[in-house]
Amino acid sequence: MRLEASADPRDVWVERDTLENAIIAAGKSPVPYSKLHEEMRAAPGVWYGVPNKRVQD
């Protein structure tokens, strides 16, 4: 996957949720990739107006 500097953060966040959910649905554990603390996971909804669609494993 390649992201351009012009990528919309909302699209990136939704794609991240989609990929992570697919990994969990396949019975795997996603590799940690974020510095965002768990309690801050809802913040992008405020920042970008995108709901958190992340499935908890």
N, C-alpha and C. Protein backbone atom coordinates (compact mmCIF):
# COMPACT_ATOMS: atom_id res chain seq x y z
N MET A 1 0.84 -1.16 0.00
CA MET A 1 0.00 0.00 0.00
C MET A 1 0.90 1.24 0.00
N ARG A 2 0.50 2.19 -0.77
CA ARG A 2 1.26 3.43 -0.84
C ARG A 2 0.33 4.61 -0.56
N LEU A 3 0.73 5.46 0.34
CA LEU A 3 -0.06 6.64 0.66
C LEU A 3 0.67 7.89 0.20
N GLU A 4 -0.06 8.77 -0.37
CA GLU A 4 0.48 10.06 -0.77
C GLU A 4 0.27 11.05 0.37
N ALA A 5 1.07 12.11 0.38
CA ALA A 5 0.92 13.14 1.40
C ALA A 5 -0.47 13.77 1.34
N SER A 6 -1.09 13.70 0.20
CA SER A 6 -2.42 14.30 0.03
C SER A 6 -3.55 13.37 0.46
N ALA A 7 -3.23 12.19 0.96
CA ALA A 7 -4.27 11.23 1.37
C ALA A 7 -5.15 11.84 2.46
N ASP A 8 -6.42 11.63 2.33
CA ASP A 8 -7.37 12.13 3.32
C ASP A 8 -7.25 11.26 4.58
N PRO A 9 -7.00 11.86 5.74
CA PRO A 9 -6.85 11.07 6.97
C PRO A 9 -8.07 10.22 7.28
N ARG A 10 -9.26 10.67 6.86
CA ARG A 10 -10.46 9.87 7.10
C ARG A 10 -10.40 8.56 6.33
N ASP A 11 -9.94 8.61 5.09
CA ASP A 11 -9.83 7.40 4.28
C ASP A 11 -8.79 6.45 4.88
N VAL A 12 -7.70 7.02 5.34
CA VAL A 12 -6.63 6.20 5.94
C VAL A 12 -7.16 5.50 7.18
N TRP A 13 -7.91 6.23 8.01
CA TRP A 13 -8.43 5.65 9.25
C TRP A 13 -9.42 4.53 8.96
N VAL A 14 -10.31 4.73 7.99
CA VAL A 14 -11.29 3.70 7.63
C VAL A 14 -10.57 2.47 7.06
N GLU A 15 -9.57 2.70 6.22
CA GLU A 15 -8.81 1.57 5.66
C GLU A 15 -8.10 0.79 6.76
N ARG A 16 -7.55 1.49 7.73
CA ARG A 16 -6.88 0.83 8.85
C ARG A 16 -7.87 -0.05 9.60
N ASP A 17 -9.07 0.45 9.88
CA ASP A 17 -10.08 -0.35 10.57
C ASP A 17 -10.46 -1.58 9.74
N THR A 18 -10.64 -1.39 8.44
CA THR A 18 -11.02 -2.48 7.55
C THR A 18 -9.97 -3.58 7.54
N LEU A 19 -8.71 -3.20 7.39
CA LEU A 19 -7.62 -4.19 7.38
C LEU A 19 -7.49 -4.90 8.72
N GLU A 20 -7.55 -4.13 9.80
CA GLU A 20 -7.43 -4.74 11.12
C GLU A 20 -8.58 -5.71 11.39
N ASN A 21 -9.80 -5.33 11.03
CA ASN A 21 -10.95 -6.21 11.23
C ASN A 21 -10.83 -7.49 10.41
N ALA A 22 -10.31 -7.39 9.19
CA ALA A 22 -10.13 -8.58 8.35
C ALA A 22 -9.10 -9.52 8.96
N ILE A 23 -8.05 -8.97 9.53
CA ILE A 23 -7.03 -9.80 10.17
C ILE A 23 -7.64 -10.54 11.36
N ILE A 24 -8.41 -9.82 12.18
CA ILE A 24 -9.04 -10.44 13.35
C ILE A 24 -10.04 -11.50 12.90
N ALA A 25 -10.83 -11.22 11.85
CA ALA A 25 -11.82 -12.18 11.34
C ALA A 25 -11.15 -13.45 10.83
N ALA A 26 -9.91 -13.32 10.38
CA ALA A 26 -9.16 -14.49 9.90
C ALA A 26 -8.51 -15.26 11.04
N GLY A 27 -8.79 -14.82 12.28
CA GLY A 27 -8.26 -15.54 13.44
C GLY A 27 -6.83 -15.17 13.80
N LYS A 28 -6.35 -14.08 13.25
CA LYS A 28 -4.98 -13.63 13.51
C LYS A 28 -5.01 -12.41 14.43
N SER A 29 -3.84 -12.02 14.90
CA SER A 29 -3.70 -10.81 15.71
C SER A 29 -2.93 -9.77 14.92
N PRO A 30 -3.49 -8.58 14.79
CA PRO A 30 -2.77 -7.53 14.06
C PRO A 30 -1.47 -7.16 14.77
N VAL A 31 -0.48 -6.81 14.01
CA VAL A 31 0.79 -6.36 14.56
C VAL A 31 0.60 -4.95 15.08
N PRO A 32 1.10 -4.66 16.28
CA PRO A 32 0.97 -3.28 16.78
C PRO A 32 1.64 -2.30 15.82
N TYR A 33 0.99 -1.18 15.58
CA TYR A 33 1.50 -0.22 14.62
C TYR A 33 1.28 1.22 15.06
N SER A 34 0.61 1.41 16.17
CA SER A 34 0.20 2.76 16.54
C SER A 34 0.76 3.17 17.89
N LYS A 35 1.04 4.44 18.01
CA LYS A 35 1.45 5.01 19.29
C LYS A 35 0.23 5.54 20.05
N LEU A 36 -0.94 5.46 19.42
CA LEU A 36 -2.16 5.97 20.02
C LEU A 36 -2.59 5.04 21.15
N HIS A 37 -2.74 5.58 22.35
CA HIS A 37 -3.16 4.77 23.49
C HIS A 37 -4.60 4.33 23.31
N GLU A 38 -4.93 3.17 23.85
CA GLU A 38 -6.25 2.58 23.68
C GLU A 38 -7.37 3.56 24.08
N GLU A 39 -7.16 4.31 25.16
CA GLU A 39 -8.20 5.23 25.60
C GLU A 39 -8.40 6.42 24.64
N MET A 40 -7.47 6.59 23.71
CA MET A 40 -7.59 7.67 22.72
C MET A 40 -8.15 7.20 21.39
N ARG A 41 -8.53 5.93 21.29
CA ARG A 41 -9.00 5.38 20.01
C ARG A 41 -10.23 6.09 19.47
N ALA A 42 -11.05 6.67 20.32
CA ALA A 42 -12.25 7.36 19.85
C ALA A 42 -11.94 8.76 19.32
N ALA A 43 -10.76 9.28 19.61
CA ALA A 43 -10.40 10.65 19.23
C ALA A 43 -10.50 10.93 17.73
N PRO A 44 -10.11 10.01 16.86
CA PRO A 44 -10.22 10.29 15.42
C PRO A 44 -11.64 10.58 14.97
N GLY A 45 -12.62 10.02 15.68
CA GLY A 45 -14.01 10.35 15.36
C GLY A 45 -14.26 11.84 15.52
N VAL A 46 -13.61 12.43 16.51
CA VAL A 46 -13.70 13.87 16.73
C VAL A 46 -12.82 14.60 15.72
N TRP A 47 -11.60 14.13 15.54
CA TRP A 47 -10.65 14.79 14.64
C TRP A 47 -11.13 14.79 13.19
N TYR A 48 -11.59 13.62 12.73
CA TYR A 48 -11.87 13.44 11.31
C TYR A 48 -13.35 13.25 11.00
N GLY A 49 -14.20 13.11 12.03
CA GLY A 49 -15.61 12.85 11.80
C GLY A 49 -15.89 11.46 11.28
N VAL A 50 -15.02 10.50 11.64
CA VAL A 50 -15.14 9.12 11.18
C VAL A 50 -15.42 8.24 12.39
N PRO A 51 -16.48 7.41 12.34
CA PRO A 51 -16.74 6.52 13.48
C PRO A 51 -15.67 5.44 13.58
N ASN A 52 -15.41 5.00 14.81
CA ASN A 52 -14.46 3.92 15.05
C ASN A 52 -15.17 2.61 14.71
N LYS A 53 -14.69 1.93 13.69
CA LYS A 53 -15.28 0.65 13.27
C LYS A 53 -14.38 -0.52 13.65
N ARG A 54 -13.46 -0.26 14.53
CA ARG A 54 -12.49 -1.26 14.95
C ARG A 54 -13.17 -2.32 15.81
N VAL A 55 -12.92 -3.59 15.49
CA VAL A 55 -13.43 -4.71 16.27
C VAL A 55 -12.38 -5.04 17.32
N GLN A 56 -12.80 -5.17 18.54
CA GLN A 56 -11.85 -5.55 19.59
C GLN A 56 -11.60 -7.05 19.51
N ASP A 57 -10.33 -7.44 19.56
CA ASP A 57 -10.03 -8.89 19.50
C ASP A 57 -9.95 -9.47 20.87
